[in-house]
Amino acid sequence: MIKIDRSFIRNIIADSKTEAITIAIIQMAHSLNLRVVAEGVETQAELDFLRKHKCDEIQGYLFSAPLPTSKFEQLLKEGKKSI
């Protein structure tokens, strides 16, 4: 698994070099049969970009603040929509 740090994610929309690096990371990881996790996704535009480029997993405040296990389990039991 490869994780893409928030420092890249926050600039993917505004900075073409960061965009190119992020795309290259995703493609390289996939060519090595590795999954890619993007950390720190906070906007719909970031999510759309990552989905377009086939990022496998996405984490960040767009979905939820970090939760203790008990609260996460409670969300699952309540049937909250999964991402």
PDB file of N, CA and C in Angstrom:
ATOM      1  N   MET A   1       0.837  -1.172   0.000  1.00  0.00           N
ATOM      2  CA  MET A   1       0.000   0.000   0.000  1.00  0.00           C
ATOM      3  C   MET A   1       0.889   1.245   0.000  1.00  0.00           C
ATOM      4  N   ILE A   2       0.460   2.231  -0.766  1.00  0.00           N
ATOM      5  CA  ILE A   2       1.121   3.536  -0.825  1.00  0.00           C
ATOM      6  C   ILE A   2       0.129   4.577  -0.307  1.00  0.00           C
ATOM      7  N   LYS A   3       0.596   5.458   0.566  1.00  0.00           N
ATOM      8  CA  LYS A   3      -0.247   6.549   1.050  1.00  0.00           C
ATOM      9  C   LYS A   3       0.249   7.867   0.470  1.00  0.00           C
ATOM     10  N   ILE A   4      -0.688   8.648  -0.023  1.00  0.00           N
ATOM     11  CA  ILE A   4      -0.366   9.984  -0.524  1.00  0.00           C
ATOM     12  C   ILE A   4      -0.714  10.979   0.576  1.00  0.00           C
ATOM     13  N   ASP A   5       0.263  11.712   1.025  1.00  0.00           N
ATOM     14  CA  ASP A   5       0.112  12.636   2.139  1.00  0.00           C
ATOM     15  C   ASP A   5      -0.752  13.844   1.778  1.00  0.00           C
ATOM     16  N   ARG A   6      -1.370  14.399   2.790  1.00  0.00           N
ATOM     17  CA  ARG A   6      -2.207  15.593   2.630  1.00  0.00           C
ATOM     18  C   ARG A   6      -1.453  16.742   1.957  1.00  0.00           C
ATOM     19  N   SER A   7      -0.154  16.826   2.157  1.00  0.00           N
ATOM     20  CA  SER A   7       0.614  17.919   1.551  1.00  0.00           C
ATOM     21  C   SER A   7       0.520  17.894   0.023  1.00  0.00           C
ATOM     22  N   PHE A   8       0.333  16.724  -0.568  1.00  0.00           N
ATOM     23  CA  PHE A   8       0.098  16.634  -2.015  1.00  0.00           C
ATOM     24  C   PHE A   8      -1.369  16.907  -2.332  1.00  0.00           C
ATOM     25  N   ILE A   9      -2.246  16.299  -1.549  1.00  0.00           N
ATOM     26  CA  ILE A   9      -3.676  16.371  -1.833  1.00  0.00           C
ATOM     27  C   ILE A   9      -4.176  17.810  -1.836  1.00  0.00           C
ATOM     28  N   ARG A  10      -3.722  18.623  -0.892  1.00  0.00           N
ATOM     29  CA  ARG A  10      -4.258  19.985  -0.781  1.00  0.00           C
ATOM     30  C   ARG A  10      -3.898  20.862  -1.982  1.00  0.00           C
ATOM     31  N   ASN A  11      -2.910  20.453  -2.769  1.00  0.00           N
ATOM     32  CA  ASN A  11      -2.487  21.272  -3.910  1.00  0.00           C
ATOM     33  C   ASN A  11      -2.840  20.688  -5.277  1.00  0.00           C
ATOM     34  N   ILE A  12      -3.523  19.551  -5.319  1.00  0.00           N
ATOM     35  CA  ILE A  12      -3.733  18.897  -6.618  1.00  0.00           C
ATOM     36  C   ILE A  12      -4.605  19.695  -7.576  1.00  0.00           C
ATOM     37  N   ILE A  13      -5.460  20.540  -7.064  1.00  0.00           N
ATOM     38  CA  ILE A  13      -6.345  21.305  -7.943  1.00  0.00           C
ATOM     39  C   ILE A  13      -5.641  22.556  -8.473  1.00  0.00           C
ATOM     40  N   ALA A  14      -4.813  23.183  -7.652  1.00  0.00           N
ATOM     41  CA  ALA A  14      -4.222  24.476  -8.014  1.00  0.00           C
ATOM     42  C   ALA A  14      -2.826  24.393  -8.625  1.00  0.00           C
ATOM     43  N   ASP A  15      -2.144  23.274  -8.440  1.00  0.00           N
ATOM     44  CA  ASP A  15      -0.738  23.185  -8.860  1.00  0.00           C
ATOM     45  C   ASP A  15      -0.554  22.032  -9.843  1.00  0.00           C
ATOM     46  N   SER A  16      -0.238  22.362 -11.086  1.00  0.00           N
ATOM     47  CA  SER A  16      -0.126  21.327 -12.125  1.00  0.00           C
ATOM     48  C   SER A  16       1.008  20.344 -11.847  1.00  0.00           C
ATOM     49  N   LYS A  17       2.074  20.786 -11.197  1.00  0.00           N
ATOM     50  CA  LYS A  17       3.170  19.864 -10.874  1.00  0.00           C
ATOM     51  C   LYS A  17       2.744  18.854  -9.818  1.00  0.00           C
ATOM     52  N   THR A  18       2.036  19.319  -8.802  1.00  0.00           N
ATOM     53  CA  THR A  18       1.531  18.405  -7.774  1.00  0.00           C
ATOM     54  C   THR A  18       0.519  17.445  -8.378  1.00  0.00           C
ATOM     55  N   GLU A  19      -0.303  17.944  -9.271  1.00  0.00           N
ATOM     56  CA  GLU A  19      -1.266  17.091  -9.974  1.00  0.00           C
ATOM     57  C   GLU A  19      -0.534  15.984 -10.728  1.00  0.00           C
ATOM     58  N   ALA A  20       0.496  16.343 -11.471  1.00  0.00           N
ATOM     59  CA  ALA A  20       1.256  15.361 -12.254  1.00  0.00           C
ATOM     60  C   ALA A  20       1.945  14.339 -11.352  1.00  0.00           C
ATOM     61  N   ILE A  21       2.514  14.791 -10.250  1.00  0.00           N
ATOM     62  CA  ILE A  21       3.175  13.873  -9.313  1.00  0.00           C
ATOM     63  C   ILE A  21       2.162  12.909  -8.716  1.00  0.00           C
ATOM     64  N   THR A  22       1.003  13.415  -8.331  1.00  0.00           N
ATOM     65  CA  THR A  22      -0.030  12.567  -7.731  1.00  0.00           C
ATOM     66  C   THR A  22      -0.516  11.515  -8.722  1.00  0.00           C
ATOM     67  N   ILE A  23      -0.750  11.914  -9.955  1.00  0.00           N
ATOM     68  CA  ILE A  23      -1.158  10.952 -10.988  1.00  0.00           C
ATOM     69  C   ILE A  23      -0.070   9.901 -11.180  1.00  0.00           C
ATOM     70  N   ALA A  24       1.180  10.326 -11.225  1.00  0.00           N
ATOM     71  CA  ALA A  24       2.296   9.389 -11.407  1.00  0.00           C
ATOM     72  C   ALA A  24       2.397   8.407 -10.243  1.00  0.00           C
ATOM     73  N   ILE A  25       2.200   8.884  -9.023  1.00  0.00           N
ATOM     74  CA  ILE A  25       2.238   7.995  -7.852  1.00  0.00           C
ATOM     75  C   ILE A  25       1.159   6.927  -7.969  1.00  0.00           C
ATOM     76  N   ILE A  26      -0.057   7.346  -8.311  1.00  0.00           N
ATOM     77  CA  ILE A  26      -1.163   6.394  -8.438  1.00  0.00           C
ATOM     78  C   ILE A  26      -0.863   5.369  -9.528  1.00  0.00           C
ATOM     79  N   GLN A  27      -0.416   5.828 -10.683  1.00  0.00           N
ATOM     80  CA  GLN A  27      -0.135   4.914 -11.795  1.00  0.00           C
ATOM     81  C   GLN A  27       1.013   3.965 -11.470  1.00  0.00           C
ATOM     82  N   MET A  28       2.071   4.479 -10.866  1.00  0.00           N
ATOM     83  CA  MET A  28       3.212   3.636 -10.516  1.00  0.00           C
ATOM     84  C   MET A  28       2.812   2.581  -9.489  1.00  0.00           C
ATOM     85  N   ALA A  29       2.072   2.992  -8.478  1.00  0.00           N
ATOM     86  CA  ALA A  29       1.627   2.037  -7.461  1.00  0.00           C
ATOM     87  C   ALA A  29       0.771   0.942  -8.089  1.00  0.00           C
ATOM     88  N   HIS A  30      -0.152   1.320  -8.940  1.00  0.00           N
ATOM     89  CA  HIS A  30      -1.004   0.324  -9.589  1.00  0.00           C
ATOM     90  C   HIS A  30      -0.192  -0.611 -10.479  1.00  0.00           C
ATOM     91  N   SER A  31       0.824  -0.100 -11.144  1.00  0.00           N
ATOM     92  CA  SER A  31       1.657  -0.965 -11.992  1.00  0.00           C
ATOM     93  C   SER A  31       2.429  -1.987 -11.156  1.00  0.00           C
ATOM     94  N   LEU A  32       2.608  -1.684  -9.873  1.00  0.00           N
ATOM     95  CA  LEU A  32       3.272  -2.609  -8.945  1.00  0.00           C
ATOM     96  C   LEU A  32       2.263  -3.405  -8.118  1.00  0.00           C
ATOM     97  N   ASN A  33       0.998  -3.338  -8.521  1.00  0.00           N
ATOM     98  CA  ASN A  33      -0.093  -4.025  -7.826  1.00  0.00           C
ATOM     99  C   ASN A  33      -0.227  -3.597  -6.370  1.00  0.00           C
ATOM    100  N   LEU A  34      -0.015  -2.316  -6.126  1.00  0.00           N
ATOM    101  CA  LEU A  34      -0.187  -1.751  -4.792  1.00  0.00           C
ATOM    102  C   LEU A  34      -1.446  -0.894  -4.766  1.00  0.00           C
ATOM    103  N   ARG A  35      -2.112  -0.896  -3.632  1.00  0.00           N
ATOM    104  CA  ARG A  35      -3.270  -0.027  -3.439  1.00  0.00           C
ATOM    105  C   ARG A  35      -2.787   1.365  -3.045  1.00  0.00           C
ATOM    106  N   VAL A  36      -3.596   2.361  -3.365  1.00  0.00           N
ATOM    107  CA  VAL A  36      -3.241   3.751  -3.069  1.00  0.00           C
ATOM    108  C   VAL A  36      -4.294   4.354  -2.140  1.00  0.00           C
ATOM    109  N   VAL A  37      -3.808   4.967  -1.060  1.00  0.00           N
ATOM    110  CA  VAL A  37      -4.670   5.659  -0.105  1.00  0.00           C
ATOM    111  C   VAL A  37      -4.308   7.140  -0.125  1.00  0.00           C
ATOM    112  N   ALA A  38      -5.293   7.984  -0.314  1.00  0.00           N
ATOM    113  CA  ALA A  38      -5.085   9.436  -0.238  1.00  0.00           C
ATOM    114  C   ALA A  38      -5.531   9.906   1.139  1.00  0.00           C
ATOM    115  N   GLU A  39      -4.641  10.601   1.824  1.00  0.00           N
ATOM    116  CA  GLU A  39      -4.932  11.098   3.167  1.00  0.00           C
ATOM    117  C   GLU A  39      -5.307  12.576   3.120  1.00  0.00           C
ATOM    118  N   GLY A  40      -6.211  12.969   4.000  1.00  0.00           N
ATOM    119  CA  GLY A  40      -6.499  14.381   4.178  1.00  0.00           C
ATOM    120  C   GLY A  40      -7.382  15.017   3.130  1.00  0.00           C
ATOM    121  N   VAL A  41      -8.261  14.245   2.532  1.00  0.00           N
ATOM    122  CA  VAL A  41      -9.166  14.794   1.523  1.00  0.00           C
ATOM    123  C   VAL A  41     -10.228  15.647   2.227  1.00  0.00           C
ATOM    124  N   GLU A  42     -10.337  16.897   1.803  1.00  0.00           N
ATOM    125  CA  GLU A  42     -11.241  17.832   2.472  1.00  0.00           C
ATOM    126  C   GLU A  42     -12.273  18.465   1.553  1.00  0.00           C
ATOM    127  N   THR A  43     -12.093  18.360   0.245  1.00  0.00           N
ATOM    128  CA  THR A  43     -13.039  19.016  -0.671  1.00  0.00           C
ATOM    129  C   THR A  43     -13.568  18.035  -1.711  1.00  0.00           C
ATOM    130  N   GLN A  44     -14.721  18.383  -2.253  1.00  0.00           N
ATOM    131  CA  GLN A  44     -15.315  17.565  -3.310  1.00  0.00           C
ATOM    132  C   GLN A  44     -14.419  17.547  -4.544  1.00  0.00           C
ATOM    133  N   ALA A  45     -13.766  18.664  -4.836  1.00  0.00           N
ATOM    134  CA  ALA A  45     -12.873  18.727  -6.003  1.00  0.00           C
ATOM    135  C   ALA A  45     -11.706  17.754  -5.852  1.00  0.00           C
ATOM    136  N   GLU A  46     -11.144  17.663  -4.650  1.00  0.00           N
ATOM    137  CA  GLU A  46     -10.059  16.701  -4.405  1.00  0.00           C
ATOM    138  C   GLU A  46     -10.567  15.281  -4.585  1.00  0.00           C
ATOM    139  N   LEU A  47     -11.741  14.994  -4.036  1.00  0.00           N
ATOM    140  CA  LEU A  47     -12.337  13.665  -4.171  1.00  0.00           C
ATOM    141  C   LEU A  47     -12.579  13.325  -5.639  1.00  0.00           C
ATOM    142  N   ASP A  48     -13.150  14.246  -6.381  1.00  0.00           N
ATOM    143  CA  ASP A  48     -13.429  14.007  -7.802  1.00  0.00           C
ATOM    144  C   ASP A  48     -12.148  13.703  -8.573  1.00  0.00           C
ATOM    145  N   PHE A  49     -11.097  14.468  -8.306  1.00  0.00           N
ATOM    146  CA  PHE A  49      -9.807  14.248  -8.960  1.00  0.00           C
ATOM    147  C   PHE A  49      -9.286  12.846  -8.650  1.00  0.00           C
ATOM    148  N   LEU A  50      -9.303  12.465  -7.388  1.00  0.00           N
ATOM    149  CA  LEU A  50      -8.768  11.162  -6.976  1.00  0.00           C
ATOM    150  C   LEU A  50      -9.589  10.014  -7.543  1.00  0.00           C
ATOM    151  N   ARG A  51     -10.890  10.164  -7.567  1.00  0.00           N
ATOM    152  CA  ARG A  51     -11.740   9.128  -8.176  1.00  0.00           C
ATOM    153  C   ARG A  51     -11.450   9.016  -9.674  1.00  0.00           C
ATOM    154  N   LYS A  52     -11.319  10.153 -10.333  1.00  0.00           N
ATOM    155  CA  LYS A  52     -11.034  10.160 -11.779  1.00  0.00           C
ATOM    156  C   LYS A  52      -9.752   9.392 -12.082  1.00  0.00           C
ATOM    157  N   HIS A  53      -8.772   9.505 -11.185  1.00  0.00           N
ATOM    158  CA  HIS A  53      -7.480   8.865 -11.410  1.00  0.00           C
ATOM    159  C   HIS A  53      -7.344   7.531 -10.675  1.00  0.00           C
ATOM    160  N   LYS A  54      -8.466   6.989 -10.234  1.00  0.00           N
ATOM    161  CA  LYS A  54      -8.558   5.616  -9.712  1.00  0.00           C
ATOM    162  C   LYS A  54      -7.802   5.387  -8.400  1.00  0.00           C
ATOM    163  N   CYS A  55      -7.799   6.400  -7.536  1.00  0.00           N
ATOM    164  CA  CYS A  55      -7.241   6.189  -6.201  1.00  0.00           C
ATOM    165  C   CYS A  55      -8.134   5.170  -5.488  1.00  0.00           C
ATOM    166  N   ASP A  56      -7.529   4.195  -4.829  1.00  0.00           N
ATOM    167  CA  ASP A  56      -8.281   3.076  -4.265  1.00  0.00           C
ATOM    168  C   ASP A  56      -9.039   3.412  -2.985  1.00  0.00           C
ATOM    169  N   GLU A  57      -8.418   4.163  -2.106  1.00  0.00           N
ATOM    170  CA  GLU A  57      -9.029   4.479  -0.814  1.00  0.00           C
ATOM    171  C   GLU A  57      -8.791   5.947  -0.501  1.00  0.00           C
ATOM    172  N   ILE A  58      -9.772   6.531   0.176  1.00  0.00           N
ATOM    173  CA  ILE A  58      -9.706   7.963   0.449  1.00  0.00           C
ATOM    174  C   ILE A  58     -10.084   8.213   1.897  1.00  0.00           C
ATOM    175  N   GLN A  59      -9.251   9.004   2.573  1.00  0.00           N
ATOM    176  CA  GLN A  59      -9.491   9.363   3.966  1.00  0.00           C
ATOM    177  C   GLN A  59      -9.513  10.877   4.083  1.00  0.00           C
ATOM    178  N   GLY A  60     -10.248  11.375   5.057  1.00  0.00           N
ATOM    179  CA  GLY A  60     -10.182  12.806   5.313  1.00  0.00           C
ATOM    180  C   GLY A  60     -11.447  13.375   5.910  1.00  0.00           C
ATOM    181  N   TYR A  61     -11.348  14.637   6.279  1.00  0.00           N
ATOM    182  CA  TYR A  61     -12.451  15.330   6.930  1.00  0.00           C
ATOM    183  C   TYR A  61     -13.662  15.489   6.026  1.00  0.00           C
ATOM    184  N   LEU A  62     -13.510  15.311   4.730  1.00  0.00           N
ATOM    185  CA  LEU A  62     -14.675  15.348   3.851  1.00  0.00           C
ATOM    186  C   LEU A  62     -15.688  14.292   4.284  1.00  0.00           C
ATOM    187  N   PHE A  63     -15.185  13.185   4.821  1.00  0.00           N
ATOM    188  CA  PHE A  63     -16.040  12.085   5.260  1.00  0.00           C
ATOM    189  C   PHE A  63     -16.288  12.112   6.754  1.00  0.00           C
ATOM    190  N   SER A  64     -15.221  12.309   7.524  1.00  0.00           N
ATOM    191  CA  SER A  64     -15.347  12.283   8.982  1.00  0.00           C
ATOM    192  C   SER A  64     -14.030  12.701   9.608  1.00  0.00           C
ATOM    193  N   ALA A  65     -14.134  13.282  10.780  1.00  0.00           N
ATOM    194  CA  ALA A  65     -12.939  13.495  11.598  1.00  0.00           C
ATOM    195  C   ALA A  65     -12.486  12.123  12.096  1.00  0.00           C
ATOM    196  N   PRO A  66     -11.241  11.989  12.531  1.00  0.00           N
ATOM    197  CA  PRO A  66     -10.813  10.713  13.100  1.00  0.00           C
ATOM    198  C   PRO A  66     -11.728  10.323  14.264  1.00  0.00           C
ATOM    199  N   LEU A  67     -12.056   9.041  14.326  1.00  0.00           N
ATOM    200  CA  LEU A  67     -12.974   8.549  15.349  1.00  0.00           C
ATOM    201  C   LEU A  67     -12.344   7.428  16.158  1.00  0.00           C
ATOM    202  N   PRO A  68     -12.700   7.349  17.441  1.00  0.00           N
ATOM    203  CA  PRO A  68     -12.313   6.157  18.194  1.00  0.00           C
ATOM    204  C   PRO A  68     -13.094   4.956  17.649  1.00  0.00           C
ATOM    205  N   THR A  69     -12.576   3.790  17.872  1.00  0.00           N
ATOM    206  CA  THR A  69     -13.196   2.564  17.359  1.00  0.00           C
ATOM    207  C   THR A  69     -14.661   2.460  17.753  1.00  0.00           C
ATOM    208  N   SER A  70     -14.981   2.766  18.992  1.00  0.00           N
ATOM    209  CA  SER A  70     -16.362   2.624  19.471  1.00  0.00           C
ATOM    210  C   SER A  70     -17.329   3.517  18.690  1.00  0.00           C
ATOM    211  N   LYS A  71     -16.921   4.733  18.382  1.00  0.00           N
ATOM    212  CA  LYS A  71     -17.791   5.638  17.615  1.00  0.00           C
ATOM    213  C   LYS A  71     -17.928   5.172  16.165  1.00  0.00           C
ATOM    214  N   PHE A  72     -16.835   4.652  15.598  1.00  0.00           N
ATOM    215  CA  PHE A  72     -16.890   4.117  14.240  1.00  0.00           C
ATOM    216  C   PHE A  72     -17.854   2.935  14.179  1.00  0.00           C
ATOM    217  N   GLU A  73     -17.754   2.041  15.147  1.00  0.00           N
ATOM    218  CA  GLU A  73     -18.663   0.890  15.196  1.00  0.00           C
ATOM    219  C   GLU A  73     -20.110   1.345  15.329  1.00  0.00           C
ATOM    220  N   GLN A  74     -20.340   2.397  16.111  1.00  0.00           N
ATOM    221  CA  GLN A  74     -21.687   2.937  16.274  1.00  0.00           C
ATOM    222  C   GLN A  74     -22.221   3.455  14.936  1.00  0.00           C
ATOM    223  N   LEU A  75     -21.391   4.151  14.179  1.00  0.00           N
ATOM    224  CA  LEU A  75     -21.811   4.627  12.857  1.00  0.00           C
ATOM    225  C   LEU A  75     -22.195   3.468  11.946  1.00  0.00           C
ATOM    226  N   LEU A  76     -21.412   2.404  11.980  1.00  0.00           N
ATOM    227  CA  LEU A  76     -21.722   1.236  11.149  1.00  0.00           C
ATOM    228  C   LEU A  76     -23.046   0.602  11.564  1.00  0.00           C
ATOM    229  N   LYS A  77     -23.270   0.499  12.872  1.00  0.00           N
ATOM    230  CA  LYS A  77     -24.513  -0.101  13.370  1.00  0.00           C
ATOM    231  C   LYS A  77     -25.730   0.735  13.002  1.00  0.00           C
ATOM    232  N   GLU A  78     -25.551   2.044  12.961  1.00  0.00           N
ATOM    233  CA  GLU A  78     -26.662   2.932  12.616  1.00  0.00           C
ATOM    234  C   GLU A  78     -26.957   2.928  11.121  1.00  0.00           C
ATOM    235  N   GLY A  79     -26.103   2.263  10.355  1.00  0.00           N
ATOM    236  CA  GLY A  79     -26.341   2.154   8.919  1.00  0.00           C
ATOM    237  C   GLY A  79     -25.997   3.404   8.141  1.00  0.00           C
ATOM    238  N   LYS A  80     -25.019   4.158   8.633  1.00  0.00           N
ATOM    239  CA  LYS A  80     -24.594   5.343   7.896  1.00  0.00           C
ATOM    240  C   LYS A  80     -24.051   4.920   6.539  1.00  0.00           C
ATOM    241  N   LYS A  81     -24.268   5.767   5.553  1.00  0.00           N
ATOM    242  CA  LYS A  81     -23.795   5.491   4.192  1.00  0.00           C
ATOM    243  C   LYS A  81     -22.280   5.350   4.192  1.00  0.00           C
ATOM    244  N   SER A  82     -21.793   4.258   3.619  1.00  0.00           N
ATOM    245  CA  SER A  82     -20.346   4.067   3.513  1.00  0.00           C
ATOM    246  C   SER A  82     -19.844   4.706   2.232  1.00  0.00           C
ATOM    247  N   ILE A  83     -18.589   5.062   2.246  1.00  0.00           N
ATOM    248  CA  ILE A  83     -17.985   5.729   1.101  1.00  0.00           C
ATOM    249  C   ILE A  83     -17.170   4.721   0.316  1.00  0.00           C
TER     250      ILE A  83
END
